[in-house]
Amino acid sequence: MGLLNTVLDTKDSKKKSYEDFVRSERDLSTDESYPLKSLNLFCDFVGLKKALFLSYNPKEDLWLPAAQTGIDITSSRRVRFNNKFLSSIFKTEGFNILTSPEDLQNFKPLLSIREFTGLKNITFMKHQDTAFLGINSPMIQKPRAVDEAIKTLRLILEKLSKIESSKKTAVSADSSIIPFVSRYLSKHRDSVIFLIKLNFEELISIISESGSESQEDKQISQDIFDTIYSMVNISGRLLQIDLYTSLLLFSSHTMKKPQILTTQIELTLKNYFNIQTDLPVIKHSYILYPEQGRDVDLLLSKLDIL
């Protein structure tokens, strides 16, 4: 019987072993859905309700959510930190458990008031450019279960590292857009894909005129890109075409109506940049693959990207 059985030995849960976990994890497809599905699988095994997988953006020195479960929207926007924060809080390269009020206080800026008020412990583990962060984990009450929990996390993070390294792509040269989109569509040839063009020129202008003029358009554009990337990188691809334009590739398996996604992006950016208006601040247009064509050049030309 696996050590994780100790954690899950309640009348409401079935007993699971590490071997059960490995079999279930192997059944997961290593596509865009893998980060969230593997996170939920791990949380089910250890009885954890709030957790995130994080990926590292070396260009900006930021750890950003790659998948999350159980935390509120405010916290999902705030959980981002650099390596200086990481090294000052987590003392080992292995599995970390934080319980002292002094350590937990560091997470106040990263969480909503509601999440921070109920914070009892933080668990953290990093592997290369991916990491796991758990909130109020029951594992610390069962020390013998930690070893197998670490094994399961290492298994996921190693696979997640390979997936995330292929996803972090910001394209700025036209010559790079076509092969990247072609590869994505070929991997999803049996799916309906939304190619969504997002234009932020008006949004950047509003931010610059609202008292943030000390920020250059380039920095504002990067902040916009990073914010959207943290929202969609679980199940989509985001490409930065130029300072004011991004291309979002999204499968209809994840979301049936692109208007829902673009509305969520707009609301998130308004909240993030504290913009008080009901008027749209993002222009968007989209095209469907393969319904409106299979030729990448033609699809991108219809979006006025090429």
C-alpha atoms as a PDB file:
ATOM      1  CA  MET A   1       0.000   0.000   0.000  1.00  0.00           C
ATOM      2  CA  GLY A   2       1.456   3.374  -1.021  1.00  0.00           C
ATOM      3  CA  LEU A   3       2.191   6.108   1.468  1.00  0.00           C
ATOM      4  CA  LEU A   4      -0.297   8.386  -0.236  1.00  0.00           C
ATOM      5  CA  ASN A   5      -3.016   6.068   1.078  1.00  0.00           C
ATOM      6  CA  THR A   6      -2.410   7.637   4.487  1.00  0.00           C
ATOM      7  CA  VAL A   7      -3.415  11.023   3.119  1.00  0.00           C
ATOM      8  CA  LEU A   8      -6.506   9.788   1.333  1.00  0.00           C
ATOM      9  CA  ASP A   9      -7.755   7.268   3.841  1.00  0.00           C
ATOM     10  CA  THR A  10     -11.184   8.784   4.477  1.00  0.00           C
ATOM     11  CA  LYS A  11     -14.667   7.396   4.062  1.00  0.00           C
ATOM     12  CA  ASP A  12     -15.261   9.718   1.106  1.00  0.00           C
ATOM     13  CA  SER A  13     -12.197   8.789  -0.944  1.00  0.00           C
ATOM     14  CA  LYS A  14     -10.821   5.680  -2.583  1.00  0.00           C
ATOM     15  CA  LYS A  15      -7.379   4.514  -1.584  1.00  0.00           C
ATOM     16  CA  LYS A  16      -4.722   5.351  -4.134  1.00  0.00           C
ATOM     17  CA  SER A  17      -1.103   4.322  -4.484  1.00  0.00           C
ATOM     18  CA  TYR A  18       1.829   5.823  -6.303  1.00  0.00           C
ATOM     19  CA  GLU A  19       1.407   3.130  -8.928  1.00  0.00           C
ATOM     20  CA  ASP A  20      -2.203   4.223  -9.428  1.00  0.00           C
ATOM     21  CA  PHE A  21      -1.015   7.760  -9.921  1.00  0.00           C
ATOM     22  CA  VAL A  22       1.622   6.771 -12.500  1.00  0.00           C
ATOM     23  CA  ARG A  23      -0.933   4.808 -14.511  1.00  0.00           C
ATOM     24  CA  SER A  24      -3.399   7.692 -14.472  1.00  0.00           C
ATOM     25  CA  GLU A  25      -0.715  10.241 -15.352  1.00  0.00           C
ATOM     26  CA  ARG A  26       0.464   8.165 -18.304  1.00  0.00           C
ATOM     27  CA  ASP A  27      -3.060   8.229 -19.705  1.00  0.00           C
ATOM     28  CA  LEU A  28      -3.003  12.029 -19.904  1.00  0.00           C
ATOM     29  CA  SER A  29      -2.357  13.527 -23.301  1.00  0.00           C
ATOM     30  CA  THR A  30       0.702  15.799 -23.399  1.00  0.00           C
ATOM     31  CA  ASP A  31      -1.104  18.562 -25.265  1.00  0.00           C
ATOM     32  CA  GLU A  32      -2.291  21.965 -24.048  1.00  0.00           C
ATOM     33  CA  SER A  33      -4.625  20.331 -21.533  1.00  0.00           C
ATOM     34  CA  TYR A  34      -1.826  18.501 -19.713  1.00  0.00           C
ATOM     35  CA  PRO A  35      -0.817  21.178 -17.147  1.00  0.00           C
ATOM     36  CA  LEU A  36      -4.328  21.589 -15.734  1.00  0.00           C
ATOM     37  CA  LYS A  37      -5.260  17.906 -15.915  1.00  0.00           C
ATOM     38  CA  SER A  38      -2.040  16.810 -14.230  1.00  0.00           C
ATOM     39  CA  LEU A  39      -2.465  19.480 -11.544  1.00  0.00           C
ATOM     40  CA  ASN A  40      -5.992  18.281 -10.807  1.00  0.00           C
ATOM     41  CA  LEU A  41      -4.787  14.671 -10.772  1.00  0.00           C
ATOM     42  CA  PHE A  42      -2.081  15.487  -8.239  1.00  0.00           C
ATOM     43  CA  CYS A  43      -4.449  17.526  -6.073  1.00  0.00           C
ATOM     44  CA  ASP A  44      -6.956  14.669  -6.028  1.00  0.00           C
ATOM     45  CA  PHE A  45      -4.271  12.279  -4.802  1.00  0.00           C
ATOM     46  CA  VAL A  46      -3.081  14.418  -1.934  1.00  0.00           C
ATOM     47  CA  GLY A  47      -6.369  16.060  -1.002  1.00  0.00           C
ATOM     48  CA  LEU A  48      -5.204  19.541  -1.985  1.00  0.00           C
ATOM     49  CA  LYS A  49      -7.786  22.157  -3.012  1.00  0.00           C
ATOM     50  CA  LYS A  50      -5.664  25.167  -3.991  1.00  0.00           C
ATOM     51  CA  ALA A  51      -2.538  24.910  -6.124  1.00  0.00           C
ATOM     52  CA  LEU A  52      -0.683  26.216  -9.162  1.00  0.00           C
ATOM     53  CA  PHE A  53       1.918  25.121 -11.634  1.00  0.00           C
ATOM     54  CA  LEU A  54       4.271  27.956 -12.570  1.00  0.00           C
ATOM     55  CA  SER A  55       6.559  28.484 -15.526  1.00  0.00           C
ATOM     56  CA  TYR A  56       9.583  30.767 -15.700  1.00  0.00           C
ATOM     57  CA  ASN A  57       9.930  33.582 -18.223  1.00  0.00           C
ATOM     58  CA  PRO A  58      13.690  34.278 -18.317  1.00  0.00           C
ATOM     59  CA  LYS A  59      13.281  37.395 -20.449  1.00  0.00           C
ATOM     60  CA  GLU A  60      11.276  39.138 -17.728  1.00  0.00           C
ATOM     61  CA  ASP A  61      12.648  37.118 -14.774  1.00  0.00           C
ATOM     62  CA  LEU A  62       9.090  36.224 -13.777  1.00  0.00           C
ATOM     63  CA  TRP A  63       7.408  33.046 -12.568  1.00  0.00           C
ATOM     64  CA  LEU A  64       3.882  32.980 -14.042  1.00  0.00           C
ATOM     65  CA  PRO A  65       0.924  30.597 -13.608  1.00  0.00           C
ATOM     66  CA  ALA A  66       0.809  27.780 -16.159  1.00  0.00           C
ATOM     67  CA  ALA A  67      -2.196  26.073 -14.515  1.00  0.00           C
ATOM     68  CA  GLN A  68      -4.227  26.763 -11.399  1.00  0.00           C
ATOM     69  CA  THR A  69      -7.073  25.295  -9.424  1.00  0.00           C
ATOM     70  CA  GLY A  70      -9.078  26.506  -6.455  1.00  0.00           C
ATOM     71  CA  ILE A  71      -7.762  30.065  -6.138  1.00  0.00           C
ATOM     72  CA  ASP A  72      -9.785  33.182  -6.956  1.00  0.00           C
ATOM     73  CA  ILE A  73      -9.308  35.442  -9.987  1.00  0.00           C
ATOM     74  CA  THR A  74      -7.550  38.195  -8.037  1.00  0.00           C
ATOM     75  CA  SER A  75      -4.930  35.780  -6.739  1.00  0.00           C
ATOM     76  CA  SER A  76      -4.438  34.215 -10.161  1.00  0.00           C
ATOM     77  CA  ARG A  77      -3.489  37.658 -11.494  1.00  0.00           C
ATOM     78  CA  ARG A  78      -1.175  38.460  -8.584  1.00  0.00           C
ATOM     79  CA  VAL A  79       0.810  35.228  -8.303  1.00  0.00           C
ATOM     80  CA  ARG A  80       3.924  36.270 -10.167  1.00  0.00           C
ATOM     81  CA  PHE A  81       7.381  36.745  -8.675  1.00  0.00           C
ATOM     82  CA  ASN A  82      11.024  36.898  -9.690  1.00  0.00           C
ATOM     83  CA  ASN A  83      13.996  34.733  -8.765  1.00  0.00           C
ATOM     84  CA  LYS A  84      15.128  37.147  -6.070  1.00  0.00           C
ATOM     85  CA  PHE A  85      11.836  36.597  -4.244  1.00  0.00           C
ATOM     86  CA  LEU A  86      12.077  32.854  -4.801  1.00  0.00           C
ATOM     87  CA  SER A  87      15.609  32.526  -3.421  1.00  0.00           C
ATOM     88  CA  SER A  88      14.826  34.716  -0.406  1.00  0.00           C
ATOM     89  CA  ILE A  89      11.761  32.690   0.614  1.00  0.00           C
ATOM     90  CA  PHE A  90      12.501  29.095  -0.347  1.00  0.00           C
ATOM     91  CA  LYS A  91      15.752  27.907   1.164  1.00  0.00           C
ATOM     92  CA  THR A  92      16.193  24.580  -0.623  1.00  0.00           C
ATOM     93  CA  GLU A  93      16.039  23.364  -4.203  1.00  0.00           C
ATOM     94  CA  GLY A  94      13.809  20.494  -3.141  1.00  0.00           C
ATOM     95  CA  PHE A  95      10.398  20.395  -1.550  1.00  0.00           C
ATOM     96  CA  ASN A  96       9.711  23.404   0.693  1.00  0.00           C
ATOM     97  CA  ILE A  97       7.095  23.786   3.435  1.00  0.00           C
ATOM     98  CA  LEU A  98       6.405  27.229   4.911  1.00  0.00           C
ATOM     99  CA  THR A  99       4.257  27.614   8.020  1.00  0.00           C
ATOM    100  CA  SER A 100       5.648  30.506  10.061  1.00  0.00           C
ATOM    101  CA  PRO A 101       3.701  33.806  10.024  1.00  0.00           C
ATOM    102  CA  GLU A 102       6.887  35.633   9.027  1.00  0.00           C
ATOM    103  CA  ASP A 103       7.352  33.480   5.914  1.00  0.00           C
ATOM    104  CA  LEU A 104       3.678  33.541   4.965  1.00  0.00           C
ATOM    105  CA  GLN A 105       3.551  37.335   5.247  1.00  0.00           C
ATOM    106  CA  ASN A 106       5.672  37.488   2.096  1.00  0.00           C
ATOM    107  CA  PHE A 107       2.722  36.128   0.133  1.00  0.00           C
ATOM    108  CA  LYS A 108       0.332  38.913   1.100  1.00  0.00           C
ATOM    109  CA  PRO A 109       0.989  40.916  -2.108  1.00  0.00           C
ATOM    110  CA  LEU A 110       0.505  37.771  -4.213  1.00  0.00           C
ATOM    111  CA  LEU A 111      -2.914  36.765  -2.910  1.00  0.00           C
ATOM    112  CA  SER A 112      -6.342  38.307  -2.522  1.00  0.00           C
ATOM    113  CA  ILE A 113      -7.417  39.372   0.968  1.00  0.00           C
ATOM    114  CA  ARG A 114      -9.677  36.326   1.170  1.00  0.00           C
ATOM    115  CA  GLU A 115      -6.947  33.869   0.185  1.00  0.00           C
ATOM    116  CA  PHE A 116      -4.322  35.436   2.433  1.00  0.00           C
ATOM    117  CA  THR A 117      -6.634  35.580   5.455  1.00  0.00           C
ATOM    118  CA  GLY A 118      -7.081  31.824   5.325  1.00  0.00           C
ATOM    119  CA  LEU A 119      -3.432  31.043   4.563  1.00  0.00           C
ATOM    120  CA  LYS A 120      -1.958  28.378   6.849  1.00  0.00           C
ATOM    121  CA  ASN A 121       0.929  26.951   4.855  1.00  0.00           C
ATOM    122  CA  ILE A 122       2.680  27.075   1.497  1.00  0.00           C
ATOM    123  CA  THR A 123       4.307  24.115  -0.213  1.00  0.00           C
ATOM    124  CA  PHE A 124       6.696  24.675  -3.109  1.00  0.00           C
ATOM    125  CA  MET A 125       8.858  22.612  -5.422  1.00  0.00           C
ATOM    126  CA  LYS A 126      10.888  23.748  -8.450  1.00  0.00           C
ATOM    127  CA  HIS A 127      12.297  21.784 -11.362  1.00  0.00           C
ATOM    128  CA  GLN A 128      14.210  23.653 -14.067  1.00  0.00           C
ATOM    129  CA  ASP A 129      11.814  26.307 -15.425  1.00  0.00           C
ATOM    130  CA  THR A 130       8.658  24.858 -13.865  1.00  0.00           C
ATOM    131  CA  ALA A 131       7.413  24.866 -10.293  1.00  0.00           C
ATOM    132  CA  PHE A 132       4.543  23.787  -8.058  1.00  0.00           C
ATOM    133  CA  LEU A 133       2.964  25.984  -5.394  1.00  0.00           C
ATOM    134  CA  GLY A 134       0.351  24.591  -3.011  1.00  0.00           C
ATOM    135  CA  ILE A 135      -1.835  26.504  -0.563  1.00  0.00           C
ATOM    136  CA  ASN A 136      -2.947  24.928   2.730  1.00  0.00           C
ATOM    137  CA  SER A 137      -1.670  21.484   1.877  1.00  0.00           C
ATOM    138  CA  PRO A 138      -2.750  18.558   4.086  1.00  0.00           C
ATOM    139  CA  MET A 139       0.554  16.830   3.300  1.00  0.00           C
ATOM    140  CA  ILE A 140       2.340  18.609   6.131  1.00  0.00           C
ATOM    141  CA  GLN A 141       0.046  16.842   8.594  1.00  0.00           C
ATOM    142  CA  LYS A 142       1.254  13.489   7.243  1.00  0.00           C
ATOM    143  CA  PRO A 143       5.052  13.694   6.938  1.00  0.00           C
ATOM    144  CA  ARG A 144       5.358  10.119   5.667  1.00  0.00           C
ATOM    145  CA  ALA A 145       3.303  11.040   2.621  1.00  0.00           C
ATOM    146  CA  VAL A 146       5.693  13.774   1.512  1.00  0.00           C
ATOM    147  CA  ASP A 147       8.220  11.434  -0.142  1.00  0.00           C
ATOM    148  CA  GLU A 148       5.699   9.987  -2.571  1.00  0.00           C
ATOM    149  CA  ALA A 149       4.180  13.419  -3.140  1.00  0.00           C
ATOM    150  CA  ILE A 150       7.640  14.610  -4.208  1.00  0.00           C
ATOM    151  CA  LYS A 151       7.958  11.663  -6.584  1.00  0.00           C
ATOM    152  CA  THR A 152       4.645  12.495  -8.229  1.00  0.00           C
ATOM    153  CA  LEU A 153       5.525  16.175  -8.536  1.00  0.00           C
ATOM    154  CA  ARG A 154       8.929  15.414 -10.025  1.00  0.00           C
ATOM    155  CA  LEU A 155       7.271  13.166 -12.589  1.00  0.00           C
ATOM    156  CA  ILE A 156       4.863  15.934 -13.633  1.00  0.00           C
ATOM    157  CA  LEU A 157       7.328  18.831 -13.520  1.00  0.00           C
ATOM    158  CA  GLU A 158       9.840  17.017 -15.720  1.00  0.00           C
ATOM    159  CA  LYS A 159       7.162  16.488 -18.354  1.00  0.00           C
ATOM    160  CA  LEU A 160       5.769  19.979 -17.878  1.00  0.00           C
ATOM    161  CA  SER A 161       9.234  21.474 -18.433  1.00  0.00           C
ATOM    162  CA  LYS A 162       9.376  19.947 -21.898  1.00  0.00           C
ATOM    163  CA  ILE A 163       5.878  21.169 -22.770  1.00  0.00           C
ATOM    164  CA  GLU A 164       6.405  24.683 -21.429  1.00  0.00           C
ATOM    165  CA  SER A 165       9.726  25.136 -23.222  1.00  0.00           C
ATOM    166  CA  SER A 166       7.948  24.640 -26.546  1.00  0.00           C
ATOM    167  CA  LYS A 167       5.127  27.051 -25.656  1.00  0.00           C
ATOM    168  CA  LYS A 168       7.018  30.195 -24.735  1.00  0.00           C
ATOM    169  CA  THR A 169       7.132  31.783 -28.148  1.00  0.00           C
ATOM    170  CA  ALA A 170       6.818  35.479 -28.842  1.00  0.00           C
ATOM    171  CA  VAL A 171       7.122  36.081 -32.578  1.00  0.00           C
ATOM    172  CA  SER A 172       8.229  39.458 -33.872  1.00  0.00           C
ATOM    173  CA  ALA A 173       9.380  38.655 -37.403  1.00  0.00           C
ATOM    174  CA  ASP A 174       6.869  37.826 -40.134  1.00  0.00           C
ATOM    175  CA  SER A 175       9.110  35.068 -41.443  1.00  0.00           C
ATOM    176  CA  SER A 176       8.702  33.205 -38.127  1.00  0.00           C
ATOM    177  CA  ILE A 177       4.920  33.429 -37.903  1.00  0.00           C
ATOM    178  CA  ILE A 178       3.987  31.135 -40.792  1.00  0.00           C
ATOM    179  CA  PRO A 179       6.021  28.044 -39.755  1.00  0.00           C
ATOM    180  CA  PHE A 180       4.920  28.403 -36.132  1.00  0.00           C
ATOM    181  CA  VAL A 181       1.212  28.653 -36.991  1.00  0.00           C
ATOM    182  CA  SER A 182       1.617  25.821 -39.501  1.00  0.00           C
ATOM    183  CA  ARG A 183       3.081  23.520 -36.857  1.00  0.00           C
ATOM    184  CA  TYR A 184       0.293  24.375 -34.414  1.00  0.00           C
ATOM    185  CA  LEU A 185      -2.472  23.747 -36.963  1.00  0.00           C
ATOM    186  CA  SER A 186      -0.908  20.488 -38.137  1.00  0.00           C
ATOM    187  CA  LYS A 187      -0.936  19.221 -34.548  1.00  0.00           C
ATOM    188  CA  HIS A 188      -4.634  20.113 -34.300  1.00  0.00           C
ATOM    189  CA  ARG A 189      -5.777  19.149 -37.794  1.00  0.00           C
ATOM    190  CA  ASP A 190      -8.860  17.403 -36.380  1.00  0.00           C
ATOM    191  CA  SER A 191      -9.913  20.419 -34.301  1.00  0.00           C
ATOM    192  CA  VAL A 192     -11.550  23.748 -35.009  1.00  0.00           C
ATOM    193  CA  ILE A 193      -8.983  26.457 -34.246  1.00  0.00           C
ATOM    194  CA  PHE A 194      -9.680  30.120 -33.632  1.00  0.00           C
ATOM    195  CA  LEU A 195      -7.002  32.481 -34.930  1.00  0.00           C
ATOM    196  CA  ILE A 196      -7.714  35.661 -32.975  1.00  0.00           C
ATOM    197  CA  LYS A 197      -6.006  38.950 -33.760  1.00  0.00           C
ATOM    198  CA  LEU A 198      -5.803  41.331 -30.788  1.00  0.00           C
ATOM    199  CA  ASN A 199      -4.917  44.996 -31.200  1.00  0.00           C
ATOM    200  CA  PHE A 200      -3.923  47.014 -28.113  1.00  0.00           C
ATOM    201  CA  GLU A 201      -3.082  50.407 -29.629  1.00  0.00           C
ATOM    202  CA  GLU A 202      -6.059  52.152 -28.012  1.00  0.00           C
ATOM    203  CA  LEU A 203      -5.454  50.419 -24.665  1.00  0.00           C
ATOM    204  CA  ILE A 204      -1.796  51.446 -24.624  1.00  0.00           C
ATOM    205  CA  SER A 205      -2.787  55.013 -25.445  1.00  0.00           C
ATOM    206  CA  ILE A 206      -5.271  55.076 -22.542  1.00  0.00           C
ATOM    207  CA  ILE A 207      -2.674  53.722 -20.114  1.00  0.00           C
ATOM    208  CA  SER A 208      -0.068  56.257 -21.268  1.00  0.00           C
ATOM    209  CA  GLU A 209      -2.499  59.136 -20.830  1.00  0.00           C
ATOM    210  CA  SER A 210      -3.809  58.048 -17.439  1.00  0.00           C
ATOM    211  CA  GLY A 211      -0.787  58.952 -15.352  1.00  0.00           C
ATOM    212  CA  SER A 212       1.448  56.046 -16.377  1.00  0.00           C
ATOM    213  CA  GLU A 213       3.297  58.074 -18.997  1.00  0.00           C
ATOM    214  CA  SER A 214       6.564  57.216 -17.253  1.00  0.00           C
ATOM    215  CA  GLN A 215       6.158  53.766 -18.805  1.00  0.00           C
ATOM    216  CA  GLU A 216       7.190  53.436 -22.415  1.00  0.00           C
ATOM    217  CA  ASP A 217       4.788  51.831 -24.884  1.00  0.00           C
ATOM    218  CA  LYS A 218       7.202  48.919 -25.176  1.00  0.00           C
ATOM    219  CA  GLN A 219       6.966  48.156 -21.449  1.00  0.00           C
ATOM    220  CA  ILE A 220       3.184  48.539 -21.422  1.00  0.00           C
ATOM    221  CA  SER A 221       2.958  46.215 -24.414  1.00  0.00           C
ATOM    222  CA  GLN A 222       5.089  43.636 -22.608  1.00  0.00           C
ATOM    223  CA  ASP A 223       2.897  43.878 -19.486  1.00  0.00           C
ATOM    224  CA  ILE A 224      -0.194  43.306 -21.649  1.00  0.00           C
ATOM    225  CA  PHE A 225       1.417  40.323 -23.340  1.00  0.00           C
ATOM    226  CA  ASP A 226       2.516  38.771 -20.037  1.00  0.00           C
ATOM    227  CA  THR A 227      -0.943  39.258 -18.508  1.00  0.00           C
ATOM    228  CA  ILE A 228      -2.723  37.572 -21.416  1.00  0.00           C
ATOM    229  CA  TYR A 229      -0.066  34.865 -21.609  1.00  0.00           C
ATOM    230  CA  SER A 230      -0.719  33.917 -17.978  1.00  0.00           C
ATOM    231  CA  MET A 231      -4.436  33.561 -18.836  1.00  0.00           C
ATOM    232  CA  VAL A 232      -4.227  31.469 -22.000  1.00  0.00           C
ATOM    233  CA  ASN A 233      -0.991  29.487 -21.916  1.00  0.00           C
ATOM    234  CA  ILE A 234      -2.801  26.515 -20.388  1.00  0.00           C
ATOM    235  CA  SER A 235      -4.652  25.780 -23.600  1.00  0.00           C
ATOM    236  CA  GLY A 236      -3.519  28.197 -26.290  1.00  0.00           C
ATOM    237  CA  ARG A 237      -0.604  29.923 -27.977  1.00  0.00           C
ATOM    238  CA  LEU A 238       0.058  33.646 -27.887  1.00  0.00           C
ATOM    239  CA  LEU A 239       2.352  35.272 -30.425  1.00  0.00           C
ATOM    240  CA  GLN A 240       3.507  38.883 -30.231  1.00  0.00           C
ATOM    241  CA  ILE A 241       3.412  40.234 -33.763  1.00  0.00           C
ATOM    242  CA  ASP A 242       4.449  43.812 -33.037  1.00  0.00           C
ATOM    243  CA  LEU A 243       4.178  46.426 -30.305  1.00  0.00           C
ATOM    244  CA  TYR A 244       0.394  46.700 -30.614  1.00  0.00           C
ATOM    245  CA  THR A 245      -0.671  43.338 -32.012  1.00  0.00           C
ATOM    246  CA  SER A 246      -0.795  39.732 -30.832  1.00  0.00           C
ATOM    247  CA  LEU A 247      -2.139  36.560 -32.412  1.00  0.00           C
ATOM    248  CA  LEU A 248      -3.935  34.039 -30.222  1.00  0.00           C
ATOM    249  CA  LEU A 249      -4.375  30.424 -31.334  1.00  0.00           C
ATOM    250  CA  PHE A 250      -7.124  28.618 -29.458  1.00  0.00           C
ATOM    251  CA  SER A 251      -8.902  25.296 -29.850  1.00  0.00           C
ATOM    252  CA  SER A 252     -12.693  25.071 -29.821  1.00  0.00           C
ATOM    253  CA  HIS A 253     -12.285  21.997 -27.593  1.00  0.00           C
ATOM    254  CA  THR A 254     -11.406  24.436 -24.814  1.00  0.00           C
ATOM    255  CA  MET A 255     -13.830  27.246 -25.592  1.00  0.00           C
ATOM    256  CA  LYS A 256     -16.654  27.277 -28.153  1.00  0.00           C
ATOM    257  CA  LYS A 257     -17.113  31.040 -28.488  1.00  0.00           C
ATOM    258  CA  PRO A 258     -14.118  33.344 -28.984  1.00  0.00           C
ATOM    259  CA  GLN A 259     -16.211  36.307 -27.787  1.00  0.00           C
ATOM    260  CA  ILE A 260     -16.214  34.808 -24.292  1.00  0.00           C
ATOM    261  CA  LEU A 261     -12.430  34.636 -24.262  1.00  0.00           C
ATOM    262  CA  THR A 262     -11.895  38.130 -25.670  1.00  0.00           C
ATOM    263  CA  THR A 263     -14.353  39.547 -23.122  1.00  0.00           C
ATOM    264  CA  GLN A 264     -12.435  37.839 -20.312  1.00  0.00           C
ATOM    265  CA  ILE A 265      -9.152  39.221 -21.645  1.00  0.00           C
ATOM    266  CA  GLU A 266     -10.594  42.731 -21.874  1.00  0.00           C
ATOM    267  CA  LEU A 267     -12.002  42.643 -18.326  1.00  0.00           C
ATOM    268  CA  THR A 268      -8.758  41.264 -16.924  1.00  0.00           C
ATOM    269  CA  LEU A 269      -6.677  43.988 -18.589  1.00  0.00           C
ATOM    270  CA  LYS A 270      -9.053  46.713 -17.414  1.00  0.00           C
ATOM    271  CA  ASN A 271      -8.771  45.431 -13.855  1.00  0.00           C
ATOM    272  CA  TYR A 272      -5.021  44.980 -14.068  1.00  0.00           C
ATOM    273  CA  PHE A 273      -4.424  48.517 -15.382  1.00  0.00           C
ATOM    274  CA  ASN A 274      -7.284  50.044 -13.336  1.00  0.00           C
ATOM    275  CA  ILE A 275      -9.130  51.399 -16.370  1.00  0.00           C
ATOM    276  CA  GLN A 276     -12.576  52.771 -15.463  1.00  0.00           C
ATOM    277  CA  THR A 277     -14.611  52.577 -18.648  1.00  0.00           C
ATOM    278  CA  ASP A 278     -17.354  50.379 -20.060  1.00  0.00           C
ATOM    279  CA  LEU A 279     -16.170  51.021 -23.601  1.00  0.00           C
ATOM    280  CA  PRO A 280     -14.066  48.422 -25.427  1.00  0.00           C
ATOM    281  CA  VAL A 281     -10.328  49.039 -25.229  1.00  0.00           C
ATOM    282  CA  ILE A 282      -9.210  46.126 -27.422  1.00  0.00           C
ATOM    283  CA  LYS A 283      -9.944  45.611 -31.087  1.00  0.00           C
ATOM    284  CA  HIS A 284     -10.200  41.998 -32.141  1.00  0.00           C
ATOM    285  CA  SER A 285     -11.042  39.875 -35.144  1.00  0.00           C
ATOM    286  CA  TYR A 286     -10.868  36.169 -35.729  1.00  0.00           C
ATOM    287  CA  ILE A 287     -10.939  33.506 -38.378  1.00  0.00           C
ATOM    288  CA  LEU A 288     -11.713  29.784 -38.217  1.00  0.00           C
ATOM    289  CA  TYR A 289      -9.492  26.895 -39.260  1.00  0.00           C
ATOM    290  CA  PRO A 290     -10.303  24.813 -41.292  1.00  0.00           C
ATOM    291  CA  GLU A 291     -13.762  26.275 -42.035  1.00  0.00           C
ATOM    292  CA  GLN A 292     -12.354  29.443 -43.592  1.00  0.00           C
ATOM    293  CA  GLY A 293      -9.324  27.819 -45.140  1.00  0.00           C
ATOM    294  CA  ARG A 294      -6.349  25.576 -44.482  1.00  0.00           C
ATOM    295  CA  ASP A 295      -3.659  27.692 -46.110  1.00  0.00           C
ATOM    296  CA  VAL A 296      -1.775  29.547 -43.377  1.00  0.00           C
ATOM    297  CA  ASP A 297      -0.703  32.415 -45.635  1.00  0.00           C
ATOM    298  CA  LEU A 298      -4.304  33.003 -46.683  1.00  0.00           C
ATOM    299  CA  LEU A 299      -5.651  32.811 -43.128  1.00  0.00           C
ATOM    300  CA  LEU A 300      -3.104  35.313 -41.824  1.00  0.00           C
ATOM    301  CA  SER A 301      -3.668  37.602 -44.802  1.00  0.00           C
ATOM    302  CA  LYS A 302      -7.403  37.662 -44.060  1.00  0.00           C
ATOM    303  CA  LEU A 303      -6.508  38.825 -40.542  1.00  0.00           C
ATOM    304  CA  ASP A 304      -4.264  41.500 -42.082  1.00  0.00           C
ATOM    305  CA  ILE A 305      -1.225  40.103 -40.272  1.00  0.00           C
ATOM    306  CA  LEU A 306       0.936  39.366 -43.321  1.00  0.00           C
END
